[in-house]
Amino acid sequence: MGWDFSLGAAMGAMVKTAPFIVLRMLVYFGIAILYLISVGAGGAIGYGFTSFGDGEGGGAIFGALIGFVGASGLLYWAREYLLYLVKAGHIAVLTRCYDGQSIPGGQGQISYATDVVKDRFVEASTLFALDQLIKGVLRFLTGTLNMVASILPIPGLGNLVRLINAVIRMSLTYVDEIILAHNIRTASQNPWETSCDALVLYAQNIKTMIRNAVWLTLMMWALTFVIFLILLGPVLGFMALFPGNAGFFAFIVAFIFAWSFKAALIEPLAIYALMQVYFKTIEGQQPDAEWRAQLQSTSRQFQEMTERAANFVTARSTKPDTTDQTNNP
């Protein structure tokens, strides 16, 4: 019941892709600082507006909340580009590392990865739409565990399955990116079709994949919690510099910084570890027809992916051939 990945190999891949680790740190710590400034400035402004008369600065917490929501809105707007330029690029070079291929160092590594991603997914919106549909199929597969609890009349099984299900849902953060890695590894020219195949392969090996994903999720969040506890003291001290009572938001900001560490350093480690399990498990396998039929008949997201795959092929096959054109009458 242990795991099937090597954390040592995963750490070695992080060293080889150090330029992307630095990029992730700049991006995600920049996001954390944005939250910190927004919450702090919002709290200060709210305190200023309500510090007259009997207000006693009670608006600080509302101002901090507005600042938090505003920063979240900016992050939501930029989510497509974070996936396209940061996450997918790192997945591309991690995939090359897994296959033992050489990758450039320094800034050239980021340019190289960007070209690989653009070759597979021309537009950020295409990759984002594909990623969302993959998440939907994975949620469907996870939801089938609840059906087991409703069928088996074992007291307390429902609560246990819900707890396990919650952990598994957290682990999906890594699995959908493994499907994208499969796209890159196979040099797919039809990302929709390749993703359908990758999901079927995942489904037919779901026990192995979930077992390892759960182990990774528990490890990663335990480490994130330790980082949160380490950061909480300094953040509380910083928030004390602002007027009003915004102590509650110190916990939120500390969590955001811990999340930044997780996104920049821990998440790619987990992705590579799960990549090891997936690629090793599916080696020599073909997508199972029964699993494909089941997903096709029960998952709306899988149906949409299949339709987009067919349309993608149709679009390519019906595209006018402009080669060898001459001015002959």
Protein backbone atom coordinates (compact mmCIF):
# COMPACT_ATOMS: atom_id res chain seq x y z
CA MET A 1 0.00 0.00 0.00
CA GLY A 2 2.99 2.27 -0.39
CA TRP A 3 3.80 4.59 -3.24
CA ASP A 4 5.43 3.83 -6.59
CA PHE A 5 7.40 7.02 -7.19
CA SER A 6 10.91 8.15 -6.31
CA LEU A 7 11.15 11.46 -4.46
CA GLY A 8 14.90 11.46 -5.13
CA ALA A 9 14.34 11.36 -8.88
CA ALA A 10 11.71 14.07 -8.54
CA MET A 11 14.14 16.32 -6.65
CA GLY A 12 16.73 15.69 -9.36
CA ALA A 13 14.23 16.86 -11.97
CA MET A 14 13.66 20.05 -9.95
CA VAL A 15 17.39 20.77 -10.09
CA LYS A 16 17.47 20.23 -13.85
CA THR A 17 14.51 22.59 -14.33
CA ALA A 18 15.79 25.25 -11.92
CA PRO A 19 15.00 28.13 -14.34
CA PHE A 20 11.32 27.20 -14.13
CA ILE A 21 11.50 26.91 -10.34
CA VAL A 22 12.85 30.47 -10.26
CA LEU A 23 10.10 31.61 -12.65
CA ARG A 24 7.43 29.95 -10.51
CA MET A 25 8.83 31.60 -7.39
CA LEU A 26 8.74 35.02 -9.03
CA VAL A 27 5.17 34.52 -10.25
CA TYR A 28 3.62 32.96 -7.17
CA PHE A 29 5.44 35.07 -4.61
CA GLY A 30 4.44 38.08 -6.69
CA ILE A 31 0.85 36.93 -6.29
CA ALA A 32 1.35 36.58 -2.52
CA ILE A 33 2.78 40.10 -2.29
CA LEU A 34 -0.17 41.39 -4.32
CA TYR A 35 -2.53 39.87 -1.77
CA LEU A 36 -0.49 41.25 1.10
CA ILE A 37 -0.51 44.79 -0.29
CA SER A 38 -4.19 44.61 -1.26
CA VAL A 39 -5.31 43.33 2.13
CA GLY A 40 -3.08 45.72 4.06
CA ALA A 41 -3.95 48.79 2.00
CA GLY A 42 -7.65 47.91 1.98
CA GLY A 43 -7.62 47.53 5.75
CA ALA A 44 -5.83 50.85 6.21
CA ILE A 45 -8.26 52.68 3.92
CA GLY A 46 -11.23 51.08 5.64
CA TYR A 47 -9.86 52.09 9.02
CA GLY A 48 -9.31 55.65 7.81
CA PHE A 49 -12.88 56.05 6.60
CA THR A 50 -14.37 54.75 9.85
CA SER A 51 -11.96 56.19 12.41
CA PHE A 52 -13.94 59.38 12.93
CA GLY A 53 -16.54 59.79 15.63
CA ASP A 54 -17.75 56.51 17.10
CA GLY A 55 -16.59 54.42 14.17
CA GLU A 56 -13.35 53.41 15.97
CA GLY A 57 -11.92 52.11 12.72
CA GLY A 58 -14.36 49.24 12.42
CA GLY A 59 -14.20 49.40 8.64
CA ALA A 60 -10.66 47.98 8.57
CA ILE A 61 -11.87 44.40 8.26
CA PHE A 62 -14.26 45.34 5.43
CA GLY A 63 -11.52 47.22 3.59
CA ALA A 64 -9.19 44.25 3.96
CA LEU A 65 -11.93 41.99 2.59
CA ILE A 66 -12.41 44.25 -0.43
CA GLY A 67 -8.65 44.19 -1.06
CA PHE A 68 -8.64 40.37 -0.84
CA VAL A 69 -11.53 40.08 -3.31
CA GLY A 70 -9.88 42.54 -5.70
CA ALA A 71 -6.61 40.59 -5.76
CA SER A 72 -8.55 37.35 -6.27
CA GLY A 73 -10.31 38.92 -9.25
CA LEU A 74 -6.99 39.79 -10.88
CA LEU A 75 -5.73 36.25 -10.32
CA TYR A 76 -8.90 34.78 -11.80
CA TRP A 77 -8.46 36.92 -14.90
CA ALA A 78 -4.85 35.75 -15.35
CA ARG A 79 -5.47 32.04 -14.71
CA GLU A 80 -5.36 31.06 -18.41
CA TYR A 81 -1.96 32.63 -18.92
CA LEU A 82 -0.53 31.15 -15.72
CA LEU A 83 -1.50 27.70 -17.00
CA TYR A 84 -0.18 28.35 -20.50
CA LEU A 85 3.09 30.16 -19.78
CA VAL A 86 4.13 28.76 -16.39
CA LYS A 87 2.56 25.39 -15.62
CA ALA A 88 2.44 23.90 -19.12
CA GLY A 89 5.96 25.07 -19.89
CA HIS A 90 7.33 23.43 -16.77
CA ILE A 91 5.42 20.24 -17.56
CA ALA A 92 7.05 20.23 -21.01
CA VAL A 93 10.62 20.24 -19.67
CA LEU A 94 9.76 17.81 -16.85
CA THR A 95 8.47 15.40 -19.50
CA ARG A 96 11.72 15.73 -21.41
CA CYS A 97 13.62 15.05 -18.18
CA TYR A 98 11.61 11.89 -17.58
CA ASP A 99 12.55 10.59 -21.02
CA GLY A 100 16.22 11.41 -20.43
CA GLN A 101 16.32 14.04 -23.16
CA SER A 102 18.61 17.04 -22.92
CA ILE A 103 17.05 20.42 -22.24
CA PRO A 104 18.61 23.88 -22.42
CA GLY A 105 19.71 25.65 -19.27
CA GLY A 106 19.10 29.19 -18.11
CA GLN A 107 16.69 31.49 -19.89
CA GLY A 108 16.87 29.27 -22.97
CA GLN A 109 14.99 26.56 -21.09
CA ILE A 110 11.93 28.77 -20.72
CA SER A 111 12.00 29.77 -24.42
CA TYR A 112 12.40 26.12 -25.40
CA ALA A 113 9.44 25.06 -23.25
CA THR A 114 7.28 27.88 -24.60
CA ASP A 115 7.92 26.70 -28.16
CA VAL A 116 6.98 23.12 -27.21
CA VAL A 117 3.71 24.27 -25.63
CA LYS A 118 2.84 26.51 -28.58
CA ASP A 119 3.49 23.64 -30.95
CA ARG A 120 0.95 21.47 -29.09
CA PHE A 121 -1.53 24.15 -28.04
CA VAL A 122 -1.54 27.13 -30.34
CA GLU A 123 -3.73 29.30 -28.10
CA ALA A 124 -3.94 29.66 -24.32
CA SER A 125 -7.73 29.42 -24.51
CA THR A 126 -7.49 25.96 -26.13
CA LEU A 127 -5.24 24.61 -23.39
CA PHE A 128 -7.42 26.17 -20.69
CA ALA A 129 -10.63 24.70 -22.15
CA LEU A 130 -8.99 21.29 -22.44
CA ASP A 131 -7.74 21.49 -18.86
CA GLN A 132 -11.22 22.34 -17.54
CA LEU A 133 -12.83 19.43 -19.41
CA ILE A 134 -10.16 17.03 -18.12
CA LYS A 135 -10.93 18.19 -14.58
CA GLY A 136 -14.61 17.50 -15.22
CA VAL A 137 -13.93 13.92 -16.34
CA LEU A 138 -11.70 13.33 -13.33
CA ARG A 139 -14.40 14.64 -11.00
CA PHE A 140 -16.83 12.20 -12.63
CA LEU A 141 -14.45 9.30 -12.03
CA THR A 142 -14.00 10.35 -8.42
CA GLY A 143 -17.75 10.65 -7.96
CA THR A 144 -18.21 6.97 -8.78
CA LEU A 145 -16.75 6.18 -5.35
CA ASN A 146 -19.86 7.70 -3.77
CA MET A 147 -21.97 5.16 -5.67
CA VAL A 148 -20.07 2.37 -3.91
CA ALA A 149 -21.02 3.81 -0.53
CA SER A 150 -24.70 3.98 -1.47
CA ILE A 151 -24.77 0.37 -2.72
CA LEU A 152 -22.90 -1.35 0.13
CA PRO A 153 -24.97 -1.31 3.39
CA ILE A 154 -21.99 -0.88 5.69
CA PRO A 155 -22.57 1.49 8.66
CA GLY A 156 -20.31 4.52 8.54
CA LEU A 157 -19.02 3.75 5.06
CA GLY A 158 -20.62 6.88 3.63
CA ASN A 159 -18.68 9.19 5.99
CA LEU A 160 -15.45 7.32 5.31
CA VAL A 161 -15.91 7.53 1.55
CA ARG A 162 -16.70 11.25 1.78
CA LEU A 163 -13.47 11.80 3.69
CA ILE A 164 -11.48 9.77 1.16
CA ASN A 165 -13.28 11.57 -1.65
CA ALA A 166 -12.25 14.95 -0.26
CA VAL A 167 -8.59 13.90 -0.28
CA ILE A 168 -8.89 12.49 -3.79
CA ARG A 169 -10.46 15.70 -5.08
CA MET A 170 -7.44 17.61 -3.81
CA SER A 171 -5.18 15.17 -5.62
CA LEU A 172 -6.88 15.96 -8.95
CA THR A 173 -4.82 19.14 -9.09
CA TYR A 174 -1.86 17.01 -10.12
CA VAL A 175 -3.62 14.40 -12.27
CA ASP A 176 -5.01 16.76 -14.90
CA GLU A 177 -1.51 18.09 -15.51
CA ILE A 178 -0.27 14.52 -16.00
CA ILE A 179 -2.77 14.22 -18.86
CA LEU A 180 -1.23 17.35 -20.39
CA ALA A 181 2.21 15.78 -19.96
CA HIS A 182 0.98 12.76 -21.93
CA ASN A 183 -0.04 15.14 -24.73
CA ILE A 184 3.43 16.63 -24.85
CA ARG A 185 5.22 13.30 -24.55
CA THR A 186 3.34 11.73 -27.45
CA ALA A 187 3.91 14.80 -29.67
CA SER A 188 0.16 14.92 -30.21
CA GLN A 189 -1.20 16.84 -33.16
CA ASN A 190 -4.78 16.42 -31.90
CA PRO A 191 -4.72 17.29 -28.18
CA TRP A 192 -8.40 16.45 -27.75
CA GLU A 193 -8.05 12.89 -29.05
CA THR A 194 -4.83 12.27 -27.15
CA SER A 195 -6.39 13.56 -23.94
CA CYS A 196 -9.34 11.19 -24.40
CA ASP A 197 -6.90 8.28 -24.74
CA ALA A 198 -4.93 9.48 -21.70
CA LEU A 199 -8.10 9.69 -19.60
CA VAL A 200 -9.12 6.17 -20.59
CA LEU A 201 -5.65 4.93 -19.63
CA TYR A 202 -6.00 6.75 -16.31
CA ALA A 203 -9.43 5.22 -15.72
CA GLN A 204 -8.29 1.66 -16.37
CA ASN A 205 -5.45 2.17 -13.87
CA ILE A 206 -7.43 4.31 -11.46
CA LYS A 207 -6.62 2.31 -8.31
CA THR A 208 -2.88 2.68 -8.80
CA MET A 209 -3.16 6.35 -9.75
CA ILE A 210 -5.44 7.30 -6.87
CA ARG A 211 -3.31 5.46 -4.31
CA ASN A 212 -0.21 7.38 -5.35
CA ALA A 213 -2.08 10.68 -5.77
CA VAL A 214 -3.46 10.40 -2.24
CA TRP A 215 -0.01 9.71 -0.80
CA LEU A 216 1.38 12.73 -2.62
CA THR A 217 -1.49 14.97 -1.55
CA LEU A 218 -1.04 14.05 2.11
CA MET A 219 2.72 14.67 1.89
CA MET A 220 2.36 17.96 0.05
CA TRP A 221 -0.31 19.45 2.29
CA ALA A 222 1.49 18.32 5.44
CA LEU A 223 4.60 20.15 4.23
CA THR A 224 2.49 23.17 3.27
CA PHE A 225 0.97 23.24 6.77
CA VAL A 226 4.45 23.24 8.32
CA ILE A 227 5.42 26.16 6.08
CA PHE A 228 2.20 27.95 7.11
CA LEU A 229 3.08 27.63 10.79
CA ILE A 230 6.60 28.96 10.16
CA LEU A 231 5.26 31.97 8.23
CA LEU A 232 2.40 32.82 10.58
CA GLY A 233 4.56 34.63 13.16
CA PRO A 234 6.24 37.08 10.74
CA VAL A 235 2.93 37.79 8.98
CA LEU A 236 1.18 38.53 12.29
CA GLY A 237 4.01 40.95 13.11
CA PHE A 238 3.66 42.68 9.75
CA MET A 239 -0.11 43.02 10.01
CA ALA A 240 0.29 44.56 13.46
CA LEU A 241 1.92 47.57 11.78
CA PHE A 242 -1.43 48.48 10.22
CA PRO A 243 -4.16 50.21 12.23
CA GLY A 244 -7.33 48.37 13.17
CA ASN A 245 -7.94 44.73 13.92
CA ALA A 246 -7.03 42.74 10.83
CA GLY A 247 -5.54 39.79 12.73
CA PHE A 248 -7.93 37.36 11.08
CA PHE A 249 -6.54 38.27 7.67
CA ALA A 250 -3.03 37.56 8.92
CA PHE A 251 -3.99 33.89 8.90
CA ILE A 252 -5.27 34.24 5.33
CA VAL A 253 -2.12 36.02 4.17
CA ALA A 254 0.09 33.41 5.88
CA PHE A 255 -1.86 30.71 4.11
CA ILE A 256 -1.42 32.53 0.80
CA PHE A 257 2.35 32.68 1.29
CA ALA A 258 2.37 28.98 2.22
CA TRP A 259 0.31 28.32 -0.92
CA SER A 260 2.93 30.25 -2.90
CA PHE A 261 5.66 27.96 -1.58
CA LYS A 262 3.49 24.99 -2.48
CA ALA A 263 2.77 26.24 -6.01
CA ALA A 264 6.37 27.24 -6.71
CA LEU A 265 8.33 24.41 -5.14
CA ILE A 266 6.13 21.56 -3.92
CA GLU A 267 3.59 21.23 -6.72
CA PRO A 268 6.10 20.54 -9.54
CA LEU A 269 7.73 17.93 -7.31
CA ALA A 270 4.37 16.19 -6.93
CA ILE A 271 3.67 16.45 -10.65
CA TYR A 272 6.93 14.76 -11.56
CA ALA A 273 6.39 12.05 -8.95
CA LEU A 274 2.95 11.26 -10.31
CA MET A 275 4.30 11.48 -13.85
CA GLN A 276 6.66 8.62 -12.97
CA VAL A 277 3.73 6.48 -11.82
CA TYR A 278 1.49 7.24 -14.79
CA PHE A 279 4.04 6.72 -17.55
CA LYS A 280 5.39 3.55 -15.95
CA THR A 281 1.91 2.12 -15.35
CA ILE A 282 0.53 2.71 -18.85
CA GLU A 283 3.67 1.50 -20.63
CA GLY A 284 2.66 -1.00 -23.29
CA GLN A 285 -1.06 -0.53 -22.62
CA GLN A 286 -3.78 0.46 -25.08
CA PRO A 287 -6.92 2.44 -24.12
CA ASP A 288 -9.61 -0.03 -23.04
CA ALA A 289 -12.70 0.02 -25.29
CA GLU A 290 -15.08 -0.73 -22.41
CA TRP A 291 -13.79 2.17 -20.32
CA ARG A 292 -13.99 4.46 -23.33
CA ALA A 293 -17.61 3.43 -23.96
CA GLN A 294 -18.48 3.95 -20.30
CA LEU A 295 -16.98 7.42 -20.20
CA GLN A 296 -18.60 8.30 -23.52
CA SER A 297 -22.05 7.28 -22.27
CA THR A 298 -21.89 8.80 -18.79
CA SER A 299 -19.53 11.81 -18.78
CA ARG A 300 -20.73 14.97 -20.50
CA GLN A 301 -17.20 16.41 -20.47
CA PHE A 302 -15.76 13.30 -22.13
CA GLN A 303 -18.47 13.50 -24.79
CA GLU A 304 -17.52 17.10 -25.49
CA MET A 305 -13.84 16.18 -25.74
CA THR A 306 -14.69 13.41 -28.21
CA GLU A 307 -16.73 15.84 -30.32
CA ARG A 308 -13.92 18.40 -30.30
CA ALA A 309 -11.45 15.69 -31.31
CA ALA A 310 -13.64 14.78 -34.29
CA ASN A 311 -14.09 18.43 -35.26
CA PHE A 312 -10.35 18.98 -34.95
CA VAL A 313 -9.67 16.15 -37.39
CA THR A 314 -12.39 17.42 -39.70
CA ALA A 315 -11.00 20.93 -39.63
CA ARG A 316 -7.52 19.67 -40.48
CA SER A 317 -8.73 17.33 -43.22
CA THR A 318 -10.97 19.93 -44.85
CA LYS A 319 -8.42 22.72 -44.67
CA PRO A 320 -7.42 23.76 -48.21
CA ASP A 321 -4.04 22.47 -49.27
CA THR A 322 -2.00 25.49 -50.29
CA THR A 323 1.12 23.55 -51.15
CA ASP A 324 2.39 23.19 -54.68
CA GLN A 325 0.06 25.93 -55.93
CA THR A 326 1.11 27.58 -59.18
CA ASN A 327 -0.18 30.28 -61.46
CA ASN A 328 -1.27 27.76 -64.06
CA PRO A 329 -4.68 28.63 -65.59
